[in-house]
Amino acid sequence: MPRILVTGGAGYIGSHTSRHLIEAGHEVVVIDDLSAGHRRAVPPTATLVEQSLADGDGLHRVFDEHRPDAIIHFAARIEAGLSMTDPRAFYQNNIVNALNLADAAVAHGNTPLVFSSSAAVYGEPPVNPINEDTPKQPTNVYGETKLAYERVLASYDRAYGLRSISLRYFNACGASPDGANGPDHRTKTLLITRAMLNVLGQADVIQVFGTDYPTPDGTAIRDYIHVEDLAAAHVLALDALFGGAATTAYNVGVGRGFSVREVLDAVERVTGRPLNRVLAPRRAGDPSALVADAGRIADELGWKAVYPDLDQIVETAWRWHSTHPDGFGD
C-alpha cells in the first residue's frame, strides 16, 4: 500500500484530498502544525504528525519514520490580500519552509511531489481562459511565492532528479456532499464562506471588494472549482508520477467564470435568505478575471469536473455551514 505524506492535510483542500487518497487505497500521513488546519478534519485512519515545515530536522525524522512513497504539498499561507501587507510571512512559509520539504524529498530518494499551486501565478492575464503557457506575471505576493516554488521544483528536477506536478487551481469552494467536511478558515477569506457567515448571522455584512472592474457587472470574475474535483485532480497527478510522469504543471478549473455578484445571487437562491451586501474598494493585487483552460489535465490525466454548476457548489457549502455553524469547533 503506497504511503503518502500530505503537508497541510488538516486544512480545507488537504483533508478532502486525504480522504480521496484513503478511498483510492493509499496510506496517509498528515503533517500539519494546526495553525490553520483542524485536527477533526483529518480522516480517522490517517496518521497526524503535528509539526511545522520550518523544522527541517523534524522533517527528516518524519521521512525516516514513515518512509513516504510520495508527497502532496498543501501547507502554505493563502490569503492574497494579506500577502500584500505581510509579505514576509508568505515568503517564509511558502518558500523558505517549503525548501525544507524539497530538501527532505531529495535526501530520501527523490520522493515525487504534487504541489498545490495557484492561478495567482498568472496575475492579470491578457486573455481568458488561461492555458498553462499564458505569461506568469503575479500581481500579489501570494502568487509570487507560488510561482517561485514551482521554479524551485523545476530546478530541483534538473539538478537532483526530483519529479513533481504543480496543480494551478482556481477558486476552491464547496464541501463534501455528505456535509461532513468543509471550509473552516479562521481568516474567513473565501467568498462563499463569508457569504454563509452573513446568512447565518455571524457577520453583519458581506463586503463586495471592487465594483469598477472591466467586467459585465463591474465585479471580479473567478473560475469556481469544487474541492472534491480538486481532490480528485491530486490523486490523478499522484498516479501520473507513480507512472513515471515528468515534471509539469496543470490548470484545474471548470472553464467558466462567475462574478462576485453572480456568486452572491446563487447563495441567496440556495439558502432562500437575503445577504446584506456592502460595496468596498478593490483589494490590492486582485485581478479582474481568472478563468481556466483545463484542457491539458483533461487530455493527459483524464480529469473532468463533476461539480461544474454554481448552484450545486453552493448547495454543498450550505449543507456544511448550516449543520456546522461553528465549523469544526476547535
C-alpha atoms as a PDB file:
ATOM      1  CA  MET A   1       0.000   0.000   0.000  1.00  0.00           C
ATOM      2  CA  PRO A   2       1.642   3.300  -1.067  1.00  0.00           C
ATOM      3  CA  ARG A   3       2.204   5.748   1.780  1.00  0.00           C
ATOM      4  CA  ILE A   4       1.565   9.412   1.016  1.00  0.00           C
ATOM      5  CA  LEU A   5       2.819  12.343   3.092  1.00  0.00           C
ATOM      6  CA  VAL A   6       0.264  15.168   2.965  1.00  0.00           C
ATOM      7  CA  THR A   7       1.557  18.500   4.246  1.00  0.00           C
ATOM      8  CA  GLY A   8      -1.242  20.778   5.397  1.00  0.00           C
ATOM      9  CA  GLY A   9      -3.522  17.753   5.426  1.00  0.00           C
ATOM     10  CA  ALA A  10      -5.629  19.152   8.272  1.00  0.00           C
ATOM     11  CA  GLY A  11      -6.651  22.072   6.076  1.00  0.00           C
ATOM     12  CA  TYR A  12      -9.567  22.527   3.712  1.00  0.00           C
ATOM     13  CA  ILE A  13      -8.288  21.015   0.468  1.00  0.00           C
ATOM     14  CA  GLY A  14      -5.686  18.813   2.178  1.00  0.00           C
ATOM     15  CA  SER A  15      -8.237  16.994   4.333  1.00  0.00           C
ATOM     16  CA  HIS A  16     -10.549  16.340   1.377  1.00  0.00           C
ATOM     17  CA  THR A  17      -7.628  15.022  -0.642  1.00  0.00           C
ATOM     18  CA  SER A  18      -6.519  12.818   2.254  1.00  0.00           C
ATOM     19  CA  ARG A  19      -9.937  11.161   2.255  1.00  0.00           C
ATOM     20  CA  HIS A  20      -9.758  10.630  -1.518  1.00  0.00           C
ATOM     21  CA  LEU A  21      -6.301   9.075  -1.139  1.00  0.00           C
ATOM     22  CA  ILE A  22      -7.535   6.652   1.506  1.00  0.00           C
ATOM     23  CA  GLU A  23     -10.537   5.725  -0.647  1.00  0.00           C
ATOM     24  CA  ALA A  24      -8.086   5.064  -3.506  1.00  0.00           C
ATOM     25  CA  GLY A  25      -6.174   2.576  -1.330  1.00  0.00           C
ATOM     26  CA  HIS A  26      -3.307   4.736  -0.078  1.00  0.00           C
ATOM     27  CA  GLU A  27      -1.989   5.073   3.443  1.00  0.00           C
ATOM     28  CA  VAL A  28      -1.892   8.726   4.536  1.00  0.00           C
ATOM     29  CA  VAL A  29       0.462  10.520   6.916  1.00  0.00           C
ATOM     30  CA  VAL A  30      -0.600  14.120   7.543  1.00  0.00           C
ATOM     31  CA  ILE A  31       1.912  16.700   8.725  1.00  0.00           C
ATOM     32  CA  ASP A  32       0.318  19.937   9.931  1.00  0.00           C
ATOM     33  CA  ASP A  33       1.123  22.465  12.649  1.00  0.00           C
ATOM     34  CA  LEU A  34      -2.641  23.138  13.066  1.00  0.00           C
ATOM     35  CA  SER A  35      -2.113  26.902  12.817  1.00  0.00           C
ATOM     36  CA  ALA A  36      -4.843  26.976  10.164  1.00  0.00           C
ATOM     37  CA  GLY A  37      -5.892  23.328   9.991  1.00  0.00           C
ATOM     38  CA  HIS A  38      -8.191  21.322  12.220  1.00  0.00           C
ATOM     39  CA  ARG A  39      -7.494  18.046  13.959  1.00  0.00           C
ATOM     40  CA  ARG A  40     -11.094  16.937  13.407  1.00  0.00           C
ATOM     41  CA  ALA A  41     -10.743  17.417   9.634  1.00  0.00           C
ATOM     42  CA  VAL A  42      -8.087  14.697   9.382  1.00  0.00           C
ATOM     43  CA  PRO A  43      -9.586  11.329   8.355  1.00  0.00           C
ATOM     44  CA  PRO A  44      -9.614   8.941  11.342  1.00  0.00           C
ATOM     45  CA  THR A  45      -7.480   6.328   9.593  1.00  0.00           C
ATOM     46  CA  ALA A  46      -4.736   8.840   8.705  1.00  0.00           C
ATOM     47  CA  THR A  47      -1.693   9.405  10.926  1.00  0.00           C
ATOM     48  CA  LEU A  48      -1.333  13.007  12.113  1.00  0.00           C
ATOM     49  CA  VAL A  49       2.111  14.457  12.865  1.00  0.00           C
ATOM     50  CA  GLU A  50       1.747  17.892  14.483  1.00  0.00           C
ATOM     51  CA  GLN A  51       4.768  19.790  13.198  1.00  0.00           C
ATOM     52  CA  SER A  52       5.804  22.797  11.140  1.00  0.00           C
ATOM     53  CA  LEU A  53       7.774  22.587   7.909  1.00  0.00           C
ATOM     54  CA  ALA A  54      10.080  25.171   9.462  1.00  0.00           C
ATOM     55  CA  ASP A  55      11.596  22.295  11.455  1.00  0.00           C
ATOM     56  CA  GLY A  56      13.926  20.817   8.854  1.00  0.00           C
ATOM     57  CA  ASP A  57      15.432  18.246  11.212  1.00  0.00           C
ATOM     58  CA  GLY A  58      11.960  17.182  12.276  1.00  0.00           C
ATOM     59  CA  LEU A  59      11.007  16.677   8.642  1.00  0.00           C
ATOM     60  CA  HIS A  60      13.922  14.310   8.142  1.00  0.00           C
ATOM     61  CA  ARG A  61      12.760  12.354  11.198  1.00  0.00           C
ATOM     62  CA  VAL A  62       9.251  12.105   9.709  1.00  0.00           C
ATOM     63  CA  PHE A  63      10.736  10.734   6.478  1.00  0.00           C
ATOM     64  CA  ASP A  64      12.928   8.298   8.403  1.00  0.00           C
ATOM     65  CA  GLU A  65       9.999   7.017  10.471  1.00  0.00           C
ATOM     66  CA  HIS A  66       7.229   6.889   7.866  1.00  0.00           C
ATOM     67  CA  ARG A  67       9.194   6.478   4.606  1.00  0.00           C
ATOM     68  CA  PRO A  68       6.591   8.035   2.290  1.00  0.00           C
ATOM     69  CA  ASP A  69       6.374   6.914  -1.328  1.00  0.00           C
ATOM     70  CA  ALA A  70       5.159  10.339  -2.464  1.00  0.00           C
ATOM     71  CA  ILE A  71       4.267  13.797  -1.145  1.00  0.00           C
ATOM     72  CA  ILE A  72       1.323  16.127  -1.694  1.00  0.00           C
ATOM     73  CA  HIS A  73       2.243  19.604  -0.507  1.00  0.00           C
ATOM     74  CA  PHE A  74      -0.561  21.927   0.626  1.00  0.00           C
ATOM     75  CA  ALA A  75       0.949  23.695   3.650  1.00  0.00           C
ATOM     76  CA  ALA A  76       1.092  27.413   2.815  1.00  0.00           C
ATOM     77  CA  ARG A  77      -0.254  30.854   3.580  1.00  0.00           C
ATOM     78  CA  ILE A  78      -3.100  31.503   1.141  1.00  0.00           C
ATOM     79  CA  GLU A  79      -4.625  34.944   1.792  1.00  0.00           C
ATOM     80  CA  ALA A  80      -3.782  37.004  -1.297  1.00  0.00           C
ATOM     81  CA  GLY A  81      -4.788  40.327   0.271  1.00  0.00           C
ATOM     82  CA  LEU A  82      -2.798  39.696   3.436  1.00  0.00           C
ATOM     83  CA  SER A  83       0.242  38.792   1.347  1.00  0.00           C
ATOM     84  CA  MET A  84       0.442  42.430   0.265  1.00  0.00           C
ATOM     85  CA  THR A  85       0.528  43.751   3.830  1.00  0.00           C
ATOM     86  CA  ASP A  86       2.584  40.965   5.454  1.00  0.00           C
ATOM     87  CA  PRO A  87       4.817  39.644   2.668  1.00  0.00           C
ATOM     88  CA  ARG A  88       7.476  38.262   4.992  1.00  0.00           C
ATOM     89  CA  ALA A  89       5.117  35.647   6.411  1.00  0.00           C
ATOM     90  CA  PHE A  90       4.364  34.425   2.908  1.00  0.00           C
ATOM     91  CA  TYR A  91       7.985  34.254   1.766  1.00  0.00           C
ATOM     92  CA  GLN A  92       8.902  32.449   4.991  1.00  0.00           C
ATOM     93  CA  ASN A  93       6.123  29.880   4.887  1.00  0.00           C
ATOM     94  CA  ASN A  94       5.579  29.362   1.170  1.00  0.00           C
ATOM     95  CA  ILE A  95       9.228  29.366   0.084  1.00  0.00           C
ATOM     96  CA  VAL A  96      11.728  29.099   2.938  1.00  0.00           C
ATOM     97  CA  ASN A  97       9.845  26.452   4.910  1.00  0.00           C
ATOM     98  CA  ALA A  98       8.884  24.633   1.721  1.00  0.00           C
ATOM     99  CA  LEU A  99      12.564  24.396   0.748  1.00  0.00           C
ATOM    100  CA  ASN A 100      12.984  22.145   3.782  1.00  0.00           C
ATOM    101  CA  LEU A 101      10.399  19.809   2.271  1.00  0.00           C
ATOM    102  CA  ALA A 102      12.101  19.743  -1.129  1.00  0.00           C
ATOM    103  CA  ASP A 103      15.459  19.075   0.541  1.00  0.00           C
ATOM    104  CA  ALA A 104      13.995  16.207   2.559  1.00  0.00           C
ATOM    105  CA  ALA A 105      12.387  14.758  -0.566  1.00  0.00           C
ATOM    106  CA  VAL A 106      15.738  14.788  -2.377  1.00  0.00           C
ATOM    107  CA  ALA A 107      17.615  13.371   0.612  1.00  0.00           C
ATOM    108  CA  HIS A 108      15.170  10.482   0.895  1.00  0.00           C
ATOM    109  CA  GLY A 109      15.384   9.084  -2.610  1.00  0.00           C
ATOM    110  CA  ASN A 110      13.794  11.908  -4.623  1.00  0.00           C
ATOM    111  CA  THR A 111      10.309  11.263  -3.276  1.00  0.00           C
ATOM    112  CA  PRO A 112       7.943  12.554  -6.023  1.00  0.00           C
ATOM    113  CA  LEU A 113       5.802  15.524  -5.110  1.00  0.00           C
ATOM    114  CA  VAL A 114       2.443  17.040  -6.107  1.00  0.00           C
ATOM    115  CA  PHE A 115       2.389  20.773  -5.379  1.00  0.00           C
ATOM    116  CA  SER A 116      -0.673  22.850  -4.546  1.00  0.00           C
ATOM    117  CA  SER A 117      -0.047  25.871  -6.758  1.00  0.00           C
ATOM    118  CA  SER A 118      -2.475  28.573  -7.858  1.00  0.00           C
ATOM    119  CA  ALA A 119      -3.923  30.519 -10.767  1.00  0.00           C
ATOM    120  CA  ALA A 120      -2.459  33.533  -8.960  1.00  0.00           C
ATOM    121  CA  VAL A 121       0.799  32.789 -10.820  1.00  0.00           C
ATOM    122  CA  TYR A 122      -0.793  34.365 -13.924  1.00  0.00           C
ATOM    123  CA  GLY A 123      -1.638  37.724 -12.366  1.00  0.00           C
ATOM    124  CA  GLU A 124      -3.795  39.860 -14.684  1.00  0.00           C
ATOM    125  CA  PRO A 125      -3.829  37.693 -17.819  1.00  0.00           C
ATOM    126  CA  PRO A 126      -4.117  39.311 -21.256  1.00  0.00           C
ATOM    127  CA  VAL A 127      -6.848  36.846 -22.268  1.00  0.00           C
ATOM    128  CA  ASN A 128      -9.236  34.366 -20.664  1.00  0.00           C
ATOM    129  CA  PRO A 129      -9.485  31.362 -20.469  1.00  0.00           C
ATOM    130  CA  ILE A 130      -5.890  30.902 -19.338  1.00  0.00           C
ATOM    131  CA  ASN A 131      -3.803  27.965 -20.506  1.00  0.00           C
ATOM    132  CA  GLU A 132      -0.569  26.771 -18.941  1.00  0.00           C
ATOM    133  CA  ASP A 133       1.543  28.767 -21.412  1.00  0.00           C
ATOM    134  CA  THR A 134      -0.060  32.101 -20.514  1.00  0.00           C
ATOM    135  CA  PRO A 135       2.624  34.539 -19.236  1.00  0.00           C
ATOM    136  CA  LYS A 136       3.214  34.334 -15.485  1.00  0.00           C
ATOM    137  CA  GLN A 137       3.022  37.853 -14.016  1.00  0.00           C
ATOM    138  CA  PRO A 138       1.675  37.642 -10.444  1.00  0.00           C
ATOM    139  CA  THR A 139       0.001  40.759  -9.089  1.00  0.00           C
ATOM    140  CA  ASN A 140       0.319  39.781  -5.420  1.00  0.00           C
ATOM    141  CA  VAL A 141       2.952  38.275  -3.160  1.00  0.00           C
ATOM    142  CA  TYR A 142       0.924  35.096  -2.717  1.00  0.00           C
ATOM    143  CA  GLY A 143       1.116  34.428  -6.454  1.00  0.00           C
ATOM    144  CA  GLU A 144       4.819  35.309  -6.484  1.00  0.00           C
ATOM    145  CA  THR A 145       5.539  32.694  -3.831  1.00  0.00           C
ATOM    146  CA  LYS A 146       3.591  30.001  -5.676  1.00  0.00           C
ATOM    147  CA  LEU A 147       5.422  30.740  -8.914  1.00  0.00           C
ATOM    148  CA  ALA A 148       8.769  30.846  -7.105  1.00  0.00           C
ATOM    149  CA  TYR A 149       8.209  27.384  -5.618  1.00  0.00           C
ATOM    150  CA  GLU A 150       7.177  25.974  -8.988  1.00  0.00           C
ATOM    151  CA  ARG A 151      10.552  27.221 -10.232  1.00  0.00           C
ATOM    152  CA  VAL A 152      12.284  25.689  -7.228  1.00  0.00           C
ATOM    153  CA  LEU A 153      10.757  22.325  -8.085  1.00  0.00           C
ATOM    154  CA  ALA A 154      11.717  22.606 -11.755  1.00  0.00           C
ATOM    155  CA  SER A 155      15.322  23.397 -10.812  1.00  0.00           C
ATOM    156  CA  TYR A 156      15.408  20.565  -8.268  1.00  0.00           C
ATOM    157  CA  ASP A 157      14.357  18.186 -11.030  1.00  0.00           C
ATOM    158  CA  ARG A 158      17.086  19.434 -13.359  1.00  0.00           C
ATOM    159  CA  ALA A 159      19.755  19.321 -10.668  1.00  0.00           C
ATOM    160  CA  TYR A 160      18.747  16.378  -8.482  1.00  0.00           C
ATOM    161  CA  GLY A 161      16.047  14.411 -10.310  1.00  0.00           C
ATOM    162  CA  LEU A 162      13.104  15.346  -8.065  1.00  0.00           C
ATOM    163  CA  ARG A 163       9.958  14.915 -10.195  1.00  0.00           C
ATOM    164  CA  SER A 164       6.858  16.965  -9.407  1.00  0.00           C
ATOM    165  CA  ILE A 165       3.491  18.049 -10.746  1.00  0.00           C
ATOM    166  CA  SER A 166       2.146  21.507  -9.871  1.00  0.00           C
ATOM    167  CA  LEU A 167      -1.612  21.995  -9.927  1.00  0.00           C
ATOM    168  CA  ARG A 168      -2.607  25.593 -10.607  1.00  0.00           C
ATOM    169  CA  TYR A 169      -6.122  25.667  -9.366  1.00  0.00           C
ATOM    170  CA  PHE A 170      -8.574  28.451  -9.401  1.00  0.00           C
ATOM    171  CA  ASN A 171     -11.087  29.363  -6.657  1.00  0.00           C
ATOM    172  CA  ALA A 172     -11.595  26.387  -4.356  1.00  0.00           C
ATOM    173  CA  CYS A 173     -15.108  26.141  -2.970  1.00  0.00           C
ATOM    174  CA  GLY A 174     -17.852  23.800  -1.811  1.00  0.00           C
ATOM    175  CA  ALA A 175     -17.881  20.997   0.741  1.00  0.00           C
ATOM    176  CA  SER A 176     -18.156  17.219   0.859  1.00  0.00           C
ATOM    177  CA  PRO A 177     -21.568  16.088  -0.436  1.00  0.00           C
ATOM    178  CA  ASP A 178     -22.468  14.470   2.887  1.00  0.00           C
ATOM    179  CA  GLY A 179     -21.896  17.763   4.714  1.00  0.00           C
ATOM    180  CA  ALA A 180     -19.227  16.248   6.973  1.00  0.00           C
ATOM    181  CA  ASN A 181     -16.267  18.394   5.877  1.00  0.00           C
ATOM    182  CA  GLY A 182     -15.962  21.900   4.538  1.00  0.00           C
ATOM    183  CA  PRO A 183     -14.104  25.202   4.759  1.00  0.00           C
ATOM    184  CA  ASP A 184     -13.306  26.474   8.228  1.00  0.00           C
ATOM    185  CA  HIS A 185     -10.580  29.035   7.544  1.00  0.00           C
ATOM    186  CA  ARG A 186     -10.119  31.118  10.646  1.00  0.00           C
ATOM    187  CA  THR A 187      -9.385  34.121   8.444  1.00  0.00           C
ATOM    188  CA  LYS A 188     -12.643  33.552   6.503  1.00  0.00           C
ATOM    189  CA  THR A 189     -11.305  34.747   3.142  1.00  0.00           C
ATOM    190  CA  LEU A 190     -13.350  32.537   0.795  1.00  0.00           C
ATOM    191  CA  LEU A 191     -16.245  34.430  -0.799  1.00  0.00           C
ATOM    192  CA  ILE A 192     -18.868  31.708  -0.326  1.00  0.00           C
ATOM    193  CA  THR A 193     -17.746  31.155   3.270  1.00  0.00           C
ATOM    194  CA  ARG A 194     -18.020  34.874   4.029  1.00  0.00           C
ATOM    195  CA  ALA A 195     -21.477  34.936   2.467  1.00  0.00           C
ATOM    196  CA  MET A 196     -22.582  31.948   4.551  1.00  0.00           C
ATOM    197  CA  LEU A 197     -21.444  33.704   7.718  1.00  0.00           C
ATOM    198  CA  ASN A 198     -23.687  36.631   6.809  1.00  0.00           C
ATOM    199  CA  VAL A 199     -26.616  34.290   6.112  1.00  0.00           C
ATOM    200  CA  LEU A 200     -26.065  32.611   9.490  1.00  0.00           C
ATOM    201  CA  GLY A 201     -25.920  35.950  11.311  1.00  0.00           C
ATOM    202  CA  GLN A 202     -22.248  35.544  12.244  1.00  0.00           C
ATOM    203  CA  ALA A 203     -21.200  38.540  10.149  1.00  0.00           C
ATOM    204  CA  ASP A 204     -23.151  41.777   9.844  1.00  0.00           C
ATOM    205  CA  VAL A 205     -22.298  42.312   6.173  1.00  0.00           C
ATOM    206  CA  ILE A 206     -20.751  40.667   3.134  1.00  0.00           C
ATOM    207  CA  GLN A 207     -18.279  43.022   1.515  1.00  0.00           C
ATOM    208  CA  VAL A 208     -18.041  43.233  -2.266  1.00  0.00           C
ATOM    209  CA  PHE A 209     -14.455  44.272  -2.948  1.00  0.00           C
ATOM    210  CA  GLY A 210     -14.450  46.335  -6.124  1.00  0.00           C
ATOM    211  CA  THR A 211     -17.355  47.209  -8.420  1.00  0.00           C
ATOM    212  CA  ASP A 212     -15.377  49.020 -11.134  1.00  0.00           C
ATOM    213  CA  TYR A 213     -13.604  46.089 -12.793  1.00  0.00           C
ATOM    214  CA  PRO A 214     -13.810  45.827 -16.619  1.00  0.00           C
ATOM    215  CA  THR A 215     -16.381  43.018 -16.353  1.00  0.00           C
ATOM    216  CA  PRO A 216     -20.093  42.898 -17.301  1.00  0.00           C
ATOM    217  CA  ASP A 217     -21.322  43.764 -13.788  1.00  0.00           C
ATOM    218  CA  GLY A 218     -18.187  45.520 -12.510  1.00  0.00           C
ATOM    219  CA  THR A 219     -17.206  42.807 -10.020  1.00  0.00           C
ATOM    220  CA  ALA A 220     -14.300  40.368 -10.273  1.00  0.00           C
ATOM    221  CA  ILE A 221     -14.796  37.112 -12.155  1.00  0.00           C
ATOM    222  CA  ARG A 222     -13.362  33.797 -10.997  1.00  0.00           C
ATOM    223  CA  ASP A 223     -13.493  30.141 -12.018  1.00  0.00           C
ATOM    224  CA  TYR A 224     -15.014  28.289  -9.033  1.00  0.00           C
ATOM    225  CA  ILE A 225     -13.727  24.718  -8.684  1.00  0.00           C
ATOM    226  CA  HIS A 226     -15.307  22.321  -6.204  1.00  0.00           C
ATOM    227  CA  VAL A 227     -12.983  20.936  -3.532  1.00  0.00           C
ATOM    228  CA  GLU A 228     -13.985  17.353  -4.403  1.00  0.00           C
ATOM    229  CA  ASP A 229     -12.898  17.922  -8.003  1.00  0.00           C
ATOM    230  CA  LEU A 230      -9.615  19.390  -6.768  1.00  0.00           C
ATOM    231  CA  ALA A 231      -9.016  16.382  -4.535  1.00  0.00           C
ATOM    232  CA  ALA A 232      -9.610  14.045  -7.461  1.00  0.00           C
ATOM    233  CA  ALA A 233      -7.074  16.001  -9.546  1.00  0.00           C
ATOM    234  CA  HIS A 234      -4.408  15.483  -6.882  1.00  0.00           C
ATOM    235  CA  VAL A 235      -4.959  11.730  -6.872  1.00  0.00           C
ATOM    236  CA  LEU A 236      -4.665  11.626 -10.666  1.00  0.00           C
ATOM    237  CA  ALA A 237      -1.464  13.687 -10.545  1.00  0.00           C
ATOM    238  CA  LEU A 238      -0.054  11.307  -7.964  1.00  0.00           C
ATOM    239  CA  ASP A 239      -0.913   8.325 -10.148  1.00  0.00           C
ATOM    240  CA  ALA A 240       0.849  10.024 -13.059  1.00  0.00           C
ATOM    241  CA  LEU A 241       4.034  10.471 -11.013  1.00  0.00           C
ATOM    242  CA  PHE A 242       3.908   6.824  -9.937  1.00  0.00           C
ATOM    243  CA  GLY A 243       3.663   6.013 -13.626  1.00  0.00           C
ATOM    244  CA  GLY A 244       6.867   7.925 -14.383  1.00  0.00           C
ATOM    245  CA  ALA A 245       5.431  11.287 -15.490  1.00  0.00           C
ATOM    246  CA  ALA A 246       7.869  14.143 -15.970  1.00  0.00           C
ATOM    247  CA  THR A 247       7.771  17.416 -14.036  1.00  0.00           C
ATOM    248  CA  THR A 248       4.965  19.637 -15.338  1.00  0.00           C
ATOM    249  CA  ALA A 249       2.067  21.882 -14.331  1.00  0.00           C
ATOM    250  CA  TYR A 250      -1.670  21.757 -14.961  1.00  0.00           C
ATOM    251  CA  ASN A 251      -4.553  24.194 -14.589  1.00  0.00           C
ATOM    252  CA  VAL A 252      -7.531  22.862 -12.641  1.00  0.00           C
ATOM    253  CA  GLY A 253     -10.801  24.708 -13.209  1.00  0.00           C
ATOM    254  CA  VAL A 254     -14.187  24.267 -14.859  1.00  0.00           C
ATOM    255  CA  GLY A 255     -13.563  26.722 -17.704  1.00  0.00           C
ATOM    256  CA  ARG A 256     -16.357  29.125 -16.794  1.00  0.00           C
ATOM    257  CA  GLY A 257     -16.187  32.277 -14.706  1.00  0.00           C
ATOM    258  CA  PHE A 258     -18.732  33.761 -12.313  1.00  0.00           C
ATOM    259  CA  SER A 259     -18.694  37.295 -10.958  1.00  0.00           C
ATOM    260  CA  VAL A 260     -18.876  38.147  -7.273  1.00  0.00           C
ATOM    261  CA  ARG A 261     -22.435  39.363  -7.760  1.00  0.00           C
ATOM    262  CA  GLU A 262     -23.409  36.109  -9.509  1.00  0.00           C
ATOM    263  CA  VAL A 263     -21.976  34.042  -6.652  1.00  0.00           C
ATOM    264  CA  LEU A 264     -23.835  36.078  -4.038  1.00  0.00           C
ATOM    265  CA  ASP A 265     -27.047  35.768  -6.063  1.00  0.00           C
ATOM    266  CA  ALA A 266     -26.549  31.980  -6.040  1.00  0.00           C
ATOM    267  CA  VAL A 267     -26.120  31.996  -2.242  1.00  0.00           C
ATOM    268  CA  GLU A 268     -29.419  33.854  -1.894  1.00  0.00           C
ATOM    269  CA  ARG A 269     -31.171  31.402  -4.250  1.00  0.00           C
ATOM    270  CA  VAL A 270     -29.891  28.305  -2.487  1.00  0.00           C
ATOM    271  CA  THR A 271     -30.359  29.487   1.097  1.00  0.00           C
ATOM    272  CA  GLY A 272     -33.551  31.448   0.487  1.00  0.00           C
ATOM    273  CA  ARG A 273     -32.150  34.252   2.624  1.00  0.00           C
ATOM    274  CA  PRO A 274     -31.060  37.781   1.693  1.00  0.00           C
ATOM    275  CA  LEU A 275     -27.480  38.985   2.058  1.00  0.00           C
ATOM    276  CA  ASN A 276     -26.507  42.352   3.473  1.00  0.00           C
ATOM    277  CA  ARG A 277     -24.076  43.454   0.779  1.00  0.00           C
ATOM    278  CA  VAL A 278     -21.720  46.380   1.310  1.00  0.00           C
ATOM    279  CA  LEU A 279     -19.655  47.785  -1.534  1.00  0.00           C
ATOM    280  CA  ALA A 280     -15.962  48.254  -0.749  1.00  0.00           C
ATOM    281  CA  PRO A 281     -12.830  49.301  -2.680  1.00  0.00           C
ATOM    282  CA  ARG A 282     -10.772  46.783  -4.601  1.00  0.00           C
ATOM    283  CA  ARG A 283      -8.179  44.828  -2.664  1.00  0.00           C
ATOM    284  CA  ALA A 284      -4.595  45.346  -3.748  1.00  0.00           C
ATOM    285  CA  GLY A 285      -3.378  42.685  -6.176  1.00  0.00           C
ATOM    286  CA  ASP A 286      -6.806  41.302  -7.143  1.00  0.00           C
ATOM    287  CA  PRO A 287      -7.034  40.609 -10.913  1.00  0.00           C
ATOM    288  CA  SER A 288     -10.308  41.399 -12.688  1.00  0.00           C
ATOM    289  CA  ALA A 289     -10.826  37.915 -14.158  1.00  0.00           C
ATOM    290  CA  LEU A 290      -9.266  34.452 -13.892  1.00  0.00           C
ATOM    291  CA  VAL A 291     -10.834  31.589 -15.863  1.00  0.00           C
ATOM    292  CA  ALA A 292      -9.130  28.272 -16.562  1.00  0.00           C
ATOM    293  CA  ASP A 293      -8.433  26.403 -19.729  1.00  0.00           C
ATOM    294  CA  ALA A 294      -8.135  22.935 -18.181  1.00  0.00           C
ATOM    295  CA  GLY A 295      -7.844  21.048 -21.437  1.00  0.00           C
ATOM    296  CA  ARG A 296      -4.354  19.739 -20.716  1.00  0.00           C
ATOM    297  CA  ILE A 297      -5.222  17.917 -17.488  1.00  0.00           C
ATOM    298  CA  ALA A 298      -8.352  16.527 -19.152  1.00  0.00           C
ATOM    299  CA  ASP A 299      -6.386  15.228 -22.133  1.00  0.00           C
ATOM    300  CA  GLU A 300      -3.336  13.916 -20.281  1.00  0.00           C
ATOM    301  CA  LEU A 301      -4.759  12.712 -16.940  1.00  0.00           C
ATOM    302  CA  GLY A 302      -8.413  12.154 -17.782  1.00  0.00           C
ATOM    303  CA  TRP A 303      -9.666  14.669 -15.218  1.00  0.00           C
ATOM    304  CA  LYS A 304     -13.165  16.124 -15.506  1.00  0.00           C
ATOM    305  CA  ALA A 305     -15.143  18.328 -13.137  1.00  0.00           C
ATOM    306  CA  VAL A 306     -18.061  16.533 -11.500  1.00  0.00           C
ATOM    307  CA  TYR A 307     -19.405  19.751  -9.932  1.00  0.00           C
ATOM    308  CA  PRO A 308     -19.391  22.419 -12.689  1.00  0.00           C
ATOM    309  CA  ASP A 309     -22.707  24.016 -11.675  1.00  0.00           C
ATOM    310  CA  LEU A 310     -22.549  27.039  -9.358  1.00  0.00           C
ATOM    311  CA  ASP A 311     -25.810  26.339  -7.512  1.00  0.00           C
ATOM    312  CA  GLN A 312     -24.697  22.743  -6.960  1.00  0.00           C
ATOM    313  CA  ILE A 313     -21.432  24.003  -5.452  1.00  0.00           C
ATOM    314  CA  VAL A 314     -23.261  26.446  -3.183  1.00  0.00           C
ATOM    315  CA  GLU A 315     -25.712  23.719  -2.100  1.00  0.00           C
ATOM    316  CA  THR A 316     -22.839  21.569  -0.785  1.00  0.00           C
ATOM    317  CA  ALA A 317     -21.389  24.575   1.014  1.00  0.00           C
ATOM    318  CA  TRP A 318     -24.766  25.398   2.597  1.00  0.00           C
ATOM    319  CA  ARG A 319     -25.172  21.783   3.738  1.00  0.00           C
ATOM    320  CA  TRP A 320     -21.837  22.088   5.571  1.00  0.00           C
ATOM    321  CA  HIS A 321     -22.256  25.579   7.027  1.00  0.00           C
ATOM    322  CA  SER A 322     -25.892  25.128   8.072  1.00  0.00           C
ATOM    323  CA  THR A 323     -25.043  21.951  10.023  1.00  0.00           C
ATOM    324  CA  HIS A 324     -21.665  23.206  11.292  1.00  0.00           C
ATOM    325  CA  PRO A 325     -22.228  26.922  12.019  1.00  0.00           C
ATOM    326  CA  ASP A 326     -19.105  26.952  14.195  1.00  0.00           C
ATOM    327  CA  GLY A 327     -17.063  24.901  11.735  1.00  0.00           C
ATOM    328  CA  PHE A 328     -15.032  22.218  13.474  1.00  0.00           C
ATOM    329  CA  GLY A 329     -15.453  23.996  16.783  1.00  0.00           C
ATOM    330  CA  ASP A 330     -11.809  23.615  17.748  1.00  0.00           C
END
